[in-house]
């Protein structure tokens, strides 16, 4: 599957069990977050297209069309927007 971020970055996802946040981190993308379980909403972004599945029900308030990458995984190719991130070096 492919993950398109902010119309700039495209990642190829490999694991069905990783959250979107973990997928981004494994590919050198450090997205903004404060928790890893859907409580704070700091990683909130907009789902433009595709389908996600939550591994645990998020407690943070979400507007229509928003997702929390820290607690969901991709079920299809995704296009997400408004992700606050920076690219970091991947250590081998």
Protein backbone atom coordinates (compact mmCIF):
# COMPACT_ATOMS: atom_id res chain seq x y z
CA UNK A 1 0.00 0.00 0.00
CA UNK A 2 1.04 3.60 -0.46
CA UNK A 3 0.82 6.46 2.01
CA UNK A 4 0.84 9.96 0.48
CA UNK A 5 1.66 12.68 3.04
CA UNK A 6 0.92 16.39 2.48
CA UNK A 7 1.05 15.88 -1.30
CA UNK A 8 4.86 15.84 -0.96
CA UNK A 9 5.99 12.47 0.41
CA UNK A 10 4.98 8.96 -0.66
CA UNK A 11 5.77 5.93 1.50
CA UNK A 12 5.20 2.25 0.76
CA UNK A 13 3.69 0.52 3.78
CA UNK A 14 4.76 -3.03 4.55
CA UNK A 15 3.21 -4.11 7.83
CA UNK A 16 -0.49 -4.57 8.37
CA UNK A 17 0.01 -4.30 12.13
CA UNK A 18 1.97 -1.03 12.41
CA UNK A 19 0.26 2.25 13.11
CA UNK A 20 0.64 5.05 10.59
CA UNK A 21 2.91 6.84 13.08
CA UNK A 22 5.19 3.78 13.32
CA UNK A 23 5.21 3.46 9.52
CA UNK A 24 6.25 7.08 9.16
CA UNK A 25 8.98 6.70 11.80
CA UNK A 26 10.35 3.55 10.13
CA UNK A 27 10.72 5.62 6.95
CA UNK A 28 12.54 8.56 8.55
CA UNK A 29 9.49 10.79 9.05
CA UNK A 30 9.21 12.25 12.57
CA UNK A 31 5.57 13.29 12.90
CA UNK A 32 4.39 15.44 15.79
CA UNK A 33 2.80 13.42 18.61
CA UNK A 34 2.63 13.36 22.40
CA UNK A 35 1.11 9.95 23.06
CA UNK A 36 0.79 6.74 21.11
CA UNK A 37 -2.72 5.74 22.00
CA UNK A 38 -5.15 8.39 20.74
CA UNK A 39 -5.53 10.38 23.95
CA UNK A 40 -4.01 13.77 23.15
CA UNK A 41 -4.79 14.49 19.50
CA UNK A 42 -1.40 16.07 18.77
CA UNK A 43 -0.91 13.92 15.66
CA UNK A 44 -4.37 14.79 14.27
CA UNK A 45 -4.39 15.12 10.48
CA UNK A 46 -6.86 15.09 7.60
CA UNK A 47 -7.76 11.92 5.71
CA UNK A 48 -8.21 12.95 2.06
CA UNK A 49 -8.82 9.45 0.70
CA UNK A 50 -8.53 5.85 1.78
CA UNK A 51 -9.64 3.80 4.75
CA UNK A 52 -8.07 3.35 8.18
CA UNK A 53 -8.76 1.00 11.06
CA UNK A 54 -8.21 1.98 14.69
CA UNK A 55 -6.27 -0.50 16.79
CA UNK A 56 -7.86 1.10 19.86
CA UNK A 57 -10.69 3.60 20.08
CA UNK A 58 -9.28 7.16 20.15
CA UNK A 59 -10.27 9.36 23.08
CA UNK A 60 -9.19 12.66 21.50
CA UNK A 61 -11.92 14.70 19.82
CA UNK A 62 -11.92 14.32 16.04
CA UNK A 63 -13.72 16.45 13.48
CA UNK A 64 -15.22 14.81 10.40
CA UNK A 65 -12.40 13.66 8.10
CA UNK A 66 -9.67 13.70 10.77
CA UNK A 67 -7.62 10.70 11.91
CA UNK A 68 -4.97 9.99 14.56
CA UNK A 69 -1.93 8.27 12.99
CA UNK A 70 -0.69 7.12 16.40
CA UNK A 71 -3.57 4.69 16.84
CA UNK A 72 -4.71 3.62 13.37
CA UNK A 73 -3.38 1.59 10.46
CA UNK A 74 -4.02 1.76 6.73
CA UNK A 75 -6.52 -0.64 5.17
CA UNK A 76 -6.07 0.88 1.69
CA UNK A 77 -3.78 3.35 -0.05
CA UNK A 78 -4.05 6.64 1.85
CA UNK A 79 -3.74 10.31 1.14
CA UNK A 80 -3.36 12.39 4.32
CA UNK A 81 -2.83 16.11 4.72
CA UNK A 82 -1.95 18.60 7.45
CA UNK A 83 0.66 16.28 8.96
CA UNK A 84 3.24 18.19 11.00
CA UNK A 85 6.55 16.39 10.48
CA UNK A 86 10.22 16.63 9.68
CA UNK A 87 12.47 14.19 7.86
CA UNK A 88 15.17 12.60 10.01
CA UNK A 89 18.07 10.32 9.13
CA UNK A 90 17.36 6.63 9.38
CA UNK A 91 20.02 4.78 11.36
CA UNK A 92 20.95 1.43 9.85
